N, C-alpha and C. Protein backbone atom coordinates (compact mmCIF):
# COMPACT_ATOMS: atom_id res chain seq x y z
N MET A 1 128.86 112.94 91.25
CA MET A 1 127.88 113.69 91.68
C MET A 1 127.29 114.59 90.55
N ARG A 2 127.89 115.21 89.72
CA ARG A 2 127.29 115.77 88.64
C ARG A 2 126.29 115.63 87.82
N LYS A 3 126.60 114.10 87.33
CA LYS A 3 125.75 113.39 86.98
C LYS A 3 124.31 113.30 87.28
N ILE A 4 124.78 112.93 88.69
CA ILE A 4 123.37 112.49 89.85
C ILE A 4 122.61 113.79 89.77
N LYS A 5 123.17 115.03 89.74
CA LYS A 5 122.24 116.46 89.75
C LYS A 5 121.56 116.63 88.92
N ILE A 6 122.18 116.13 87.89
CA ILE A 6 121.87 116.59 86.06
C ILE A 6 120.46 115.63 86.46
N TYR A 7 120.67 113.96 86.76
CA TYR A 7 119.58 112.93 86.81
C TYR A 7 118.35 113.45 87.77
N ILE A 8 119.00 114.16 89.23
CA ILE A 8 117.77 114.82 89.82
C ILE A 8 116.67 116.18 88.93
N LEU A 9 117.52 116.85 88.11
CA LEU A 9 116.78 117.79 87.33
C LEU A 9 116.00 117.33 86.80
N LEU A 10 116.52 116.20 85.67
CA LEU A 10 115.79 115.74 84.76
C LEU A 10 114.68 115.30 85.52
N PHE A 11 114.61 114.51 86.74
CA PHE A 11 113.82 113.68 87.34
C PHE A 11 112.28 114.68 87.40
N PHE A 12 112.71 115.95 88.04
CA PHE A 12 111.52 117.19 88.23
C PHE A 12 111.09 117.67 87.31
N LEU A 13 112.01 118.11 86.46
CA LEU A 13 111.45 118.14 85.14
C LEU A 13 110.36 117.56 84.31
N GLY A 14 110.68 116.17 84.27
CA GLY A 14 109.50 115.23 83.97
C GLY A 14 108.83 115.28 84.61
N LEU A 15 108.55 114.89 85.45
CA LEU A 15 107.81 114.75 86.56
C LEU A 15 106.61 116.26 86.39
N ILE A 16 107.33 117.53 86.68
CA ILE A 16 106.29 118.36 86.35
C ILE A 16 105.33 118.58 84.81
N ILE A 17 106.05 118.30 83.96
CA ILE A 17 105.63 118.35 82.58
C ILE A 17 104.53 116.99 82.66
N SER A 18 104.71 115.95 83.53
CA SER A 18 103.89 114.85 83.09
C SER A 18 102.37 115.37 84.20
N GLY A 19 102.83 116.12 85.33
CA GLY A 19 101.96 116.80 85.76
C GLY A 19 101.06 118.01 85.44
N ILE A 20 101.09 118.54 84.39
CA ILE A 20 100.29 119.77 83.49
C ILE A 20 99.12 119.24 83.02
N TYR A 21 98.39 119.43 83.27
CA TYR A 21 97.21 118.68 82.72
C TYR A 21 96.79 117.53 82.14
N PRO A 22 97.10 116.18 83.14
CA PRO A 22 97.04 115.35 82.99
C PRO A 22 95.92 114.62 82.27
N LYS A 23 95.23 113.76 82.04
CA LYS A 23 94.21 113.14 81.32
C LYS A 23 93.36 112.70 83.09
N GLU A 24 93.51 112.67 84.23
CA GLU A 24 93.18 112.14 85.11
C GLU A 24 94.26 112.43 86.55
N TYR A 25 93.72 113.72 87.40
CA TYR A 25 94.58 113.52 88.33
C TYR A 25 95.03 112.46 89.28
N PHE A 26 93.89 112.07 89.61
CA PHE A 26 94.06 110.76 90.65
C PHE A 26 95.37 109.76 89.89
N THR A 27 94.57 109.86 88.44
CA THR A 27 95.48 108.34 88.13
C THR A 27 97.07 108.93 87.96
N TRP A 28 97.13 110.17 87.24
CA TRP A 28 98.65 110.53 87.34
C TRP A 28 99.14 110.41 88.77
N PHE A 29 98.48 110.97 89.88
CA PHE A 29 99.10 110.70 91.06
C PHE A 29 99.68 108.98 91.51
N LEU A 30 98.66 108.11 91.22
CA LEU A 30 99.05 106.69 91.46
C LEU A 30 99.84 106.26 90.61
N GLU A 31 100.17 106.91 89.33
CA GLU A 31 101.28 106.31 88.28
C GLU A 31 102.68 106.55 88.71
N VAL A 32 102.91 108.16 89.15
CA VAL A 32 104.00 108.71 89.36
C VAL A 32 104.69 108.49 90.69
N SER A 33 103.73 107.85 91.75
CA SER A 33 103.84 107.85 93.08
C SER A 33 105.45 106.97 93.15
N PRO A 34 105.05 105.61 92.76
CA PRO A 34 106.50 104.89 92.90
C PRO A 34 107.67 105.53 92.43
N ALA A 35 107.53 106.20 91.78
CA ALA A 35 108.80 107.16 90.97
C ALA A 35 109.45 108.02 92.12
N ILE A 36 108.30 108.76 92.83
CA ILE A 36 108.36 109.74 93.81
C ILE A 36 109.08 109.11 95.41
N ILE A 37 108.25 107.90 95.41
CA ILE A 37 109.00 106.82 96.69
C ILE A 37 110.37 106.52 96.45
N GLY A 38 110.40 105.59 95.06
CA GLY A 38 111.65 105.40 94.54
C GLY A 38 113.09 106.52 94.81
N LEU A 39 112.52 107.72 94.46
CA LEU A 39 113.38 108.83 94.55
C LEU A 39 113.67 109.08 96.22
N LEU A 40 112.89 109.26 96.90
CA LEU A 40 112.76 109.18 98.39
C LEU A 40 113.95 108.36 98.53
N ILE A 41 113.38 107.38 98.51
CA ILE A 41 114.26 106.12 99.04
C ILE A 41 115.60 106.20 98.41
N LEU A 42 115.97 106.66 97.16
CA LEU A 42 117.87 106.73 97.04
C LEU A 42 118.08 107.94 97.72
N VAL A 43 117.56 109.08 97.83
CA VAL A 43 118.07 110.20 98.36
C VAL A 43 118.32 109.43 99.96
N PHE A 44 117.55 109.15 100.80
CA PHE A 44 117.70 108.54 101.91
C PHE A 44 118.55 107.74 102.54
N THR A 45 119.15 107.01 101.23
CA THR A 45 120.10 106.19 101.44
C THR A 45 121.01 106.48 100.99
N TYR A 46 121.46 107.70 100.20
CA TYR A 46 122.62 108.00 99.40
C TYR A 46 123.84 108.05 99.99
N LYS A 47 123.83 108.29 101.08
CA LYS A 47 125.04 108.15 101.97
C LYS A 47 125.95 106.72 102.49
N LYS A 48 124.54 106.15 102.42
CA LYS A 48 125.06 104.58 102.72
C LYS A 48 125.76 103.65 101.85
N PHE A 49 124.82 103.80 100.58
CA PHE A 49 125.04 103.22 99.43
C PHE A 49 124.75 104.05 98.18
N GLN A 50 125.92 104.32 97.36
CA GLN A 50 125.45 105.07 95.86
C GLN A 50 125.51 104.34 95.02
N PHE A 51 124.86 104.02 94.11
CA PHE A 51 124.67 103.23 92.46
C PHE A 51 125.62 103.89 91.73
N THR A 52 125.96 102.96 90.65
CA THR A 52 126.63 103.64 89.84
C THR A 52 125.76 104.62 88.85
N ASN A 53 126.56 105.48 88.10
CA ASN A 53 125.69 106.27 87.29
C ASN A 53 124.80 105.64 86.30
N PHE A 54 125.39 104.49 85.85
CA PHE A 54 124.71 103.58 84.79
C PHE A 54 123.43 102.94 85.34
N THR A 55 123.28 102.48 86.44
CA THR A 55 122.24 102.12 87.27
C THR A 55 121.20 103.49 87.39
N TYR A 56 121.59 104.63 87.81
CA TYR A 56 120.80 105.60 87.97
C TYR A 56 120.03 106.01 86.85
N PHE A 57 120.90 106.12 85.75
CA PHE A 57 120.21 106.57 84.48
C PHE A 57 119.04 105.57 83.46
N PHE A 58 119.32 104.36 83.88
CA PHE A 58 118.26 103.47 83.73
C PHE A 58 116.83 103.73 84.50
N ILE A 59 117.05 104.25 85.80
CA ILE A 59 116.02 104.24 87.21
C ILE A 59 115.19 105.61 86.45
N LEU A 60 116.11 106.16 86.04
CA LEU A 60 115.80 107.75 85.58
C LEU A 60 114.83 107.57 84.39
N ILE A 61 114.91 106.56 83.17
CA ILE A 61 114.27 106.23 82.18
C ILE A 61 113.00 105.34 82.58
N HIS A 62 112.93 104.46 83.87
CA HIS A 62 111.76 103.70 84.44
C HIS A 62 110.84 104.96 84.84
N CYS A 63 111.65 105.96 85.21
CA CYS A 63 110.79 107.04 85.74
C CYS A 63 109.81 107.79 84.66
N TYR A 64 110.33 108.20 83.79
CA TYR A 64 110.23 109.08 82.70
C TYR A 64 108.73 107.56 82.08
N ILE A 65 109.32 106.59 81.95
CA ILE A 65 107.96 105.61 81.68
C ILE A 65 106.78 105.81 81.97
N LEU A 66 107.19 105.74 84.02
CA LEU A 66 105.82 105.77 84.45
C LEU A 66 105.45 107.47 84.35
N PHE A 67 105.91 108.44 84.22
CA PHE A 67 105.57 109.91 83.94
C PHE A 67 104.72 109.67 82.74
N LEU A 68 105.04 109.19 81.66
CA LEU A 68 104.35 109.47 80.77
C LEU A 68 102.71 108.57 80.58
N GLY A 69 102.95 107.44 81.51
CA GLY A 69 101.81 106.48 81.38
C GLY A 69 100.90 107.46 82.55
N GLY A 70 101.59 108.17 83.56
CA GLY A 70 100.64 108.96 84.01
C GLY A 70 99.71 109.96 83.69
N HIS A 71 100.50 110.80 82.79
CA HIS A 71 99.96 111.62 81.97
C HIS A 71 98.88 111.38 81.18
N TYR A 72 99.03 110.20 80.36
CA TYR A 72 98.09 109.86 79.48
C TYR A 72 96.67 108.92 79.94
N THR A 73 97.49 108.46 81.02
CA THR A 73 97.12 107.10 81.50
C THR A 73 97.40 105.87 80.49
N TYR A 74 97.62 104.76 80.87
CA TYR A 74 98.43 103.74 80.29
C TYR A 74 97.95 103.28 79.32
N ALA A 75 96.51 103.45 79.28
CA ALA A 75 95.68 103.13 78.10
C ALA A 75 95.03 103.88 76.67
N GLU A 76 96.06 105.03 77.14
CA GLU A 76 95.79 106.22 75.86
C GLU A 76 97.26 106.84 75.71
N VAL A 77 98.25 106.38 75.83
CA VAL A 77 99.51 106.75 75.48
C VAL A 77 99.57 107.25 73.89
N PRO A 78 99.57 107.92 73.29
CA PRO A 78 99.55 108.02 71.75
C PRO A 78 99.84 107.34 71.06
N PRO A 79 101.43 107.55 70.98
CA PRO A 79 102.21 106.62 70.14
C PRO A 79 101.67 105.28 69.80
N PHE A 80 101.43 104.40 71.09
CA PHE A 80 100.53 103.24 71.02
C PHE A 80 99.69 103.10 70.72
N GLU A 81 99.06 104.39 70.76
CA GLU A 81 97.51 104.39 69.59
C GLU A 81 97.92 103.99 68.20
N TRP A 82 98.53 104.97 68.02
CA TRP A 82 99.05 104.55 66.80
C TRP A 82 99.22 103.53 66.46
N ILE A 83 99.92 102.61 67.24
CA ILE A 83 100.46 101.24 66.65
C ILE A 83 98.98 100.31 66.46
N LYS A 84 98.26 100.69 67.60
CA LYS A 84 97.38 99.79 68.30
C LYS A 84 96.15 99.94 66.76
N GLU A 85 96.19 101.12 66.20
CA GLU A 85 94.84 100.96 65.01
C GLU A 85 95.81 100.40 64.18
N THR A 86 97.27 101.10 63.86
CA THR A 86 97.81 100.58 62.48
C THR A 86 98.01 98.82 62.53
N PHE A 87 98.19 98.62 63.64
CA PHE A 87 98.15 96.67 63.73
C PHE A 87 97.29 96.42 63.90
N ASN A 88 96.02 96.87 63.91
CA ASN A 88 94.74 96.15 64.42
C ASN A 88 94.83 95.62 65.54
N GLN A 89 95.75 96.01 66.50
CA GLN A 89 95.94 95.79 67.86
C GLN A 89 94.27 95.70 68.78
N THR A 90 93.74 95.25 69.49
CA THR A 90 92.72 95.20 70.36
C THR A 90 93.10 95.91 71.81
N ARG A 91 94.24 96.33 72.09
CA ARG A 91 94.55 97.24 73.16
C ARG A 91 95.50 98.32 72.80
N ASN A 92 95.54 99.25 73.70
CA ASN A 92 97.18 100.29 73.84
C ASN A 92 98.05 99.13 74.64
N ASN A 93 99.28 98.95 74.35
CA ASN A 93 99.90 97.67 74.67
C ASN A 93 101.01 98.71 75.68
N TYR A 94 100.88 99.89 75.88
CA TYR A 94 101.99 100.82 76.62
C TYR A 94 102.41 100.31 78.00
N ASP A 95 101.58 100.00 78.47
CA ASP A 95 101.41 99.42 79.78
C ASP A 95 102.44 98.07 79.76
N LYS A 96 102.79 97.43 78.55
CA LYS A 96 103.74 96.29 78.84
C LYS A 96 105.03 96.78 78.79
N VAL A 97 105.57 98.06 78.12
CA VAL A 97 106.74 98.53 78.13
C VAL A 97 106.88 98.70 79.57
N GLY A 98 105.85 99.39 80.53
CA GLY A 98 106.32 99.35 81.90
C GLY A 98 106.25 98.49 82.68
N HIS A 99 105.81 97.44 82.31
CA HIS A 99 106.30 96.24 83.05
C HIS A 99 107.09 95.60 82.25
N PHE A 100 107.88 95.47 81.41
CA PHE A 100 109.26 95.37 81.11
C PHE A 100 109.91 95.98 81.70
N ALA A 101 109.90 97.21 81.80
CA ALA A 101 110.67 98.04 82.75
C ALA A 101 110.90 97.67 83.96
N GLN A 102 109.60 97.13 84.76
CA GLN A 102 109.58 96.53 86.32
C GLN A 102 110.73 95.47 86.26
N GLY A 103 110.94 95.01 85.25
CA GLY A 103 111.70 94.16 85.39
C GLY A 103 113.10 93.91 85.38
N PHE A 104 113.34 95.10 84.15
CA PHE A 104 114.72 95.15 83.74
C PHE A 104 115.36 95.85 84.66
N VAL A 105 114.57 97.54 84.87
CA VAL A 105 115.14 97.88 86.45
C VAL A 105 115.27 97.76 87.53
N PRO A 106 114.41 97.02 88.19
CA PRO A 106 114.77 96.11 89.35
C PRO A 106 115.91 95.01 89.57
N ALA A 107 116.42 94.54 87.99
CA ALA A 107 117.11 93.62 88.12
C ALA A 107 118.80 94.01 88.30
N MET A 108 118.62 95.33 87.47
CA MET A 108 119.83 95.99 87.83
C MET A 108 120.21 96.33 88.64
N ILE A 109 119.49 96.88 89.54
CA ILE A 109 119.27 97.22 90.97
C ILE A 109 119.69 96.36 91.65
N VAL A 110 119.00 95.15 91.69
CA VAL A 110 119.23 94.02 92.55
C VAL A 110 120.62 93.28 92.60
N ARG A 111 120.98 93.17 91.34
CA ARG A 111 122.25 92.81 90.59
C ARG A 111 123.41 93.44 91.59
N GLU A 112 123.14 95.07 91.53
CA GLU A 112 124.09 95.83 91.98
C GLU A 112 124.23 95.60 93.33
N LEU A 113 123.35 95.63 94.21
CA LEU A 113 123.52 94.98 95.52
C LEU A 113 124.02 93.90 95.94
N PHE A 114 123.68 92.97 94.71
CA PHE A 114 123.92 91.50 95.12
C PHE A 114 125.63 91.56 95.08
N ILE A 115 126.12 92.06 94.32
CA ILE A 115 127.63 92.04 93.69
C ILE A 115 128.52 92.90 94.74
N ARG A 116 127.62 93.91 94.99
CA ARG A 116 128.84 95.04 95.72
C ARG A 116 128.69 94.37 97.11
N LYS A 117 127.40 94.13 97.70
CA LYS A 117 127.57 93.22 98.93
C LYS A 117 127.61 91.88 99.35
N ASN A 118 127.89 91.50 97.89
CA ASN A 118 128.44 89.98 98.15
C ASN A 118 127.45 89.01 99.18
N VAL A 119 125.74 89.25 98.39
CA VAL A 119 125.05 88.60 99.24
C VAL A 119 124.88 87.22 98.29
N VAL A 120 125.03 86.76 97.73
CA VAL A 120 124.56 85.30 97.09
C VAL A 120 126.43 84.93 96.90
N SER A 121 126.60 83.90 97.44
CA SER A 121 127.66 83.61 97.45
C SER A 121 127.79 82.53 96.46
N ASN A 122 127.05 81.63 96.60
CA ASN A 122 126.91 80.81 95.62
C ASN A 122 126.40 81.23 94.25
N LYS A 123 126.86 81.10 93.16
CA LYS A 123 127.08 82.11 91.89
C LYS A 123 126.18 81.27 90.93
N SER A 124 126.13 79.50 91.20
CA SER A 124 125.30 79.26 90.30
C SER A 124 123.29 79.67 90.27
N PHE A 125 123.39 80.09 91.55
CA PHE A 125 122.01 80.83 91.73
C PHE A 125 122.06 81.90 91.49
N PHE A 126 122.63 82.93 91.22
CA PHE A 126 123.02 84.30 91.08
C PHE A 126 121.66 85.14 90.34
N ASN A 127 121.78 84.45 89.02
CA ASN A 127 120.95 84.83 87.87
C ASN A 127 119.98 84.33 88.44
N PHE A 128 119.15 83.33 88.99
CA PHE A 128 118.17 82.43 89.18
C PHE A 128 117.29 83.41 90.38
N ILE A 129 118.05 84.40 91.52
CA ILE A 129 117.42 84.19 92.70
C ILE A 129 116.98 85.93 91.85
N ILE A 130 118.02 86.70 91.09
CA ILE A 130 117.65 88.11 90.95
C ILE A 130 116.33 87.88 89.88
N VAL A 131 115.73 87.00 89.23
CA VAL A 131 114.85 87.05 88.12
C VAL A 131 113.67 86.90 89.36
N ALA A 132 113.91 86.01 90.24
CA ALA A 132 112.87 85.46 91.13
C ALA A 132 112.36 86.62 91.79
N VAL A 133 113.45 87.68 92.32
CA VAL A 133 113.17 88.53 93.31
C VAL A 133 112.15 89.51 92.22
N CYS A 134 112.75 90.16 91.00
CA CYS A 134 111.94 90.66 90.37
C CYS A 134 110.43 90.38 90.18
N LEU A 135 110.69 88.94 89.59
CA LEU A 135 108.99 88.41 89.80
C LEU A 135 108.37 88.57 90.91
N ALA A 136 108.84 88.72 92.34
CA ALA A 136 108.13 89.08 93.30
C ALA A 136 107.79 90.01 93.43
N ILE A 137 108.68 90.92 92.82
CA ILE A 137 108.35 92.34 92.69
C ILE A 137 107.17 93.14 91.80
N SER A 138 107.02 92.30 90.61
CA SER A 138 106.03 92.56 89.94
C SER A 138 104.88 91.37 90.37
N ALA A 139 104.80 90.88 91.15
CA ALA A 139 103.45 89.97 91.63
C ALA A 139 102.74 91.04 93.10
N ALA A 140 103.62 91.91 93.59
CA ALA A 140 103.50 92.42 94.75
C ALA A 140 102.83 94.06 94.25
N TYR A 141 103.25 94.30 93.05
CA TYR A 141 102.76 95.26 92.44
C TYR A 141 101.29 95.04 91.78
N GLU A 142 101.06 93.64 91.23
CA GLU A 142 99.80 93.77 90.50
C GLU A 142 98.64 93.49 91.72
N TRP A 143 99.24 92.76 92.92
CA TRP A 143 98.51 93.30 94.33
C TRP A 143 98.31 94.49 94.74
N LEU A 144 99.06 95.22 94.59
CA LEU A 144 98.49 96.87 95.21
C LEU A 144 97.66 97.11 93.96
N GLU A 145 97.69 96.87 92.34
CA GLU A 145 96.95 97.56 91.55
C GLU A 145 95.89 96.98 92.33
N TRP A 146 95.26 96.01 92.34
CA TRP A 146 94.24 95.20 92.54
C TRP A 146 93.36 95.83 93.79
N ALA A 147 94.68 95.99 94.70
CA ALA A 147 93.67 96.76 95.94
C ALA A 147 93.23 98.04 95.92
N VAL A 148 94.25 98.78 94.94
CA VAL A 148 93.62 99.87 94.83
C VAL A 148 92.27 100.17 93.96
N SER A 149 92.22 99.26 93.08
CA SER A 149 91.07 99.19 92.28
C SER A 149 89.71 98.77 92.98
N LEU A 150 89.80 97.69 93.96
CA LEU A 150 88.61 97.67 94.56
C LEU A 150 88.71 98.59 95.78
N CYS A 151 89.81 99.40 96.54
CA CYS A 151 89.25 100.75 97.29
C CYS A 151 88.64 101.56 96.57
N THR A 152 89.01 101.97 95.16
CA THR A 152 88.77 103.14 94.74
C THR A 152 87.58 103.37 93.47
N GLY A 153 87.23 101.65 93.13
CA GLY A 153 86.56 101.47 92.19
C GLY A 153 86.59 102.20 90.97
N GLU A 154 85.67 102.81 90.27
CA GLU A 154 85.90 103.45 88.87
C GLU A 154 86.99 104.16 88.86
N GLY A 155 87.50 105.10 90.20
CA GLY A 155 88.80 106.03 89.82
C GLY A 155 89.88 105.11 89.77
N GLY A 156 90.14 103.62 90.43
CA GLY A 156 91.39 103.00 89.85
C GLY A 156 91.19 101.94 88.98
N ASP A 157 90.25 102.34 87.99
CA ASP A 157 90.40 101.22 86.57
C ASP A 157 91.32 101.79 85.90
N ALA A 158 91.70 102.74 85.48
CA ALA A 158 92.77 103.22 84.58
C ALA A 158 93.99 102.91 85.44
N PHE A 159 93.78 102.96 86.71
CA PHE A 159 95.66 102.35 87.32
C PHE A 159 95.82 101.09 86.73
N LEU A 160 94.60 100.43 86.92
CA LEU A 160 94.57 99.06 86.88
C LEU A 160 94.82 98.67 85.57
N GLY A 161 94.25 99.09 84.29
CA GLY A 161 95.28 99.27 83.44
C GLY A 161 94.47 98.13 82.29
N THR A 162 93.69 97.14 82.41
CA THR A 162 93.19 95.73 82.25
C THR A 162 92.79 95.80 80.50
N GLN A 163 91.81 97.19 80.62
CA GLN A 163 91.45 97.56 79.12
C GLN A 163 90.59 96.28 78.72
N GLY A 164 90.15 95.44 79.53
CA GLY A 164 89.35 94.32 79.05
C GLY A 164 89.90 93.06 78.86
N TYR A 165 91.38 93.19 79.17
CA TYR A 165 92.08 91.89 78.88
C TYR A 165 92.46 90.74 79.90
N VAL A 166 91.69 89.85 79.38
CA VAL A 166 91.62 88.69 81.09
C VAL A 166 92.93 88.12 81.63
N TRP A 167 93.61 87.94 80.51
CA TRP A 167 94.75 87.61 81.19
C TRP A 167 96.13 89.18 81.61
N ASP A 168 95.54 89.91 81.52
CA ASP A 168 96.36 91.14 81.71
C ASP A 168 97.20 90.69 83.01
N THR A 169 97.18 90.42 84.24
CA THR A 169 97.99 90.20 85.30
C THR A 169 99.23 89.28 85.02
N GLN A 170 98.42 88.47 84.51
CA GLN A 170 99.37 87.35 84.07
C GLN A 170 100.63 87.39 83.36
N SER A 171 100.36 88.16 82.15
CA SER A 171 101.25 88.92 81.20
C SER A 171 101.89 90.02 81.55
N ASP A 172 101.15 91.04 82.04
CA ASP A 172 102.29 91.72 82.79
C ASP A 172 103.25 91.34 83.59
N MET A 173 103.24 90.25 84.14
CA MET A 173 104.44 89.43 85.28
C MET A 173 105.12 88.90 84.56
N LEU A 174 104.95 88.33 83.24
CA LEU A 174 105.79 87.86 82.13
C LEU A 174 106.55 88.47 81.58
N TYR A 175 106.18 89.71 81.26
CA TYR A 175 106.57 91.23 80.50
C TYR A 175 107.99 91.33 81.73
N ALA A 176 107.70 91.83 82.87
CA ALA A 176 108.58 91.82 83.79
C ALA A 176 109.47 91.13 83.86
N THR A 177 109.26 89.28 83.65
CA THR A 177 110.41 88.53 83.71
C THR A 177 111.36 88.55 82.48
N ILE A 178 110.49 88.86 81.58
CA ILE A 178 111.43 89.15 79.95
C ILE A 178 112.40 90.13 80.44
N GLY A 179 111.60 91.57 81.10
CA GLY A 179 112.62 92.38 81.12
C GLY A 179 113.84 91.94 82.10
N ALA A 180 113.66 91.19 83.33
CA ALA A 180 114.81 90.74 84.17
C ALA A 180 115.67 90.10 83.23
N VAL A 181 115.14 89.22 82.39
CA VAL A 181 116.34 88.32 82.06
C VAL A 181 116.98 89.31 80.54
N CYS A 182 116.42 90.08 80.30
CA CYS A 182 116.98 90.60 79.07
C CYS A 182 117.79 91.64 79.41
N MET A 183 117.93 92.27 80.47
CA MET A 183 119.14 92.92 81.41
C MET A 183 120.10 91.72 81.72
N LEU A 184 119.73 90.89 82.60
CA LEU A 184 121.00 90.17 82.55
C LEU A 184 121.51 89.53 81.44
N ILE A 185 121.12 88.91 80.43
CA ILE A 185 121.81 88.88 78.89
C ILE A 185 122.31 89.79 78.43
N PHE A 186 121.97 91.00 78.26
CA PHE A 186 122.40 91.96 77.16
C PHE A 186 123.37 92.82 77.76
N PHE A 187 123.21 93.31 79.14
CA PHE A 187 123.88 94.21 80.05
C PHE A 187 124.71 94.16 80.92
N SER A 188 124.41 92.60 81.61
CA SER A 188 125.67 92.18 82.46
C SER A 188 127.09 92.54 82.26
N LYS A 189 127.76 92.72 81.76
CA LYS A 189 129.09 92.87 80.98
C LYS A 189 128.87 94.16 81.18
N LYS A 190 128.13 95.53 80.38
CA LYS A 190 128.39 96.56 80.68
C LYS A 190 128.33 97.21 82.12
N HIS A 191 127.25 96.13 82.97
CA HIS A 191 126.83 96.93 84.64
C HIS A 191 128.28 96.31 84.93
N ASP A 192 129.06 95.28 84.60
CA ASP A 192 130.18 95.03 85.42
C ASP A 192 131.28 95.99 85.28
N LYS A 193 131.15 96.37 84.11
CA LYS A 193 132.28 97.42 83.57
C LYS A 193 131.99 98.62 84.34
N ALA A 194 130.73 99.26 84.82
CA ALA A 194 130.28 100.71 85.32
C ALA A 194 131.16 100.41 86.38
N ILE A 195 130.40 99.42 87.27
CA ILE A 195 130.57 98.97 88.79
C ILE A 195 132.28 99.08 88.94
N GLN A 196 132.94 98.52 88.08
CA GLN A 196 134.51 98.41 88.14
C GLN A 196 135.01 99.62 88.23
N GLU A 197 134.51 100.48 87.06
CA GLU A 197 135.07 101.76 86.71
C GLU A 197 134.78 102.59 87.97
N GLN A 198 134.00 102.62 88.83
CA GLN A 198 133.15 103.71 89.06
C GLN A 198 133.71 103.59 90.63
N PHE A 199 133.67 102.43 90.77
CA PHE A 199 134.04 101.85 92.64
C PHE A 199 135.19 100.96 92.91
N GLN A 200 135.68 100.04 91.81
CA GLN A 200 136.60 98.99 92.04
C GLN A 200 138.11 99.78 91.87
N THR A 201 137.78 100.79 90.90
CA THR A 201 139.21 101.53 90.79
C THR A 201 139.60 102.97 91.58
N GLN A 202 138.36 102.91 92.69
CA GLN A 202 138.83 104.06 93.47
C GLN A 202 139.72 103.64 94.47
């Protein structure tokens, strides 16, 4: 519980700092809204289901990715501006970090739910279903970005963040898929260990 309180404190600290003179307040609000909604969902469901501290830690990292993108807008995050200029890239690619996390972190959340609630009985399809769910989440978010851009016009362009790249939507979903696959390949054992240590040994 102590770690959870620290994570919540760090969440609000990051949110407040990101909201101090951001590039555009409307874009900032749009970008940090998923983090705020996510926090509310986790708070209201905490008594019924608590994730491992391992998962909460990565959720917090994802929130900070959103906070940073919201403060500067995804097209102008300074370190990636330096990368853009140094390597002669045509765009600021910080948004790809966000979409990678959009696959990585939901994969961890879905995986833990599936394991602890025994949702998928056929283990042959276990990882496939997790990746499919993450890809569905990514596609739904692209629909949301599109709808916001249509409804708000120029105000939503920074939220959409295509930067003139015609394949931006497809590449966003690709990076989310890569993020989900990377989580399953590189972190499944550590995730299993965290679940066992925190819940199955109690």
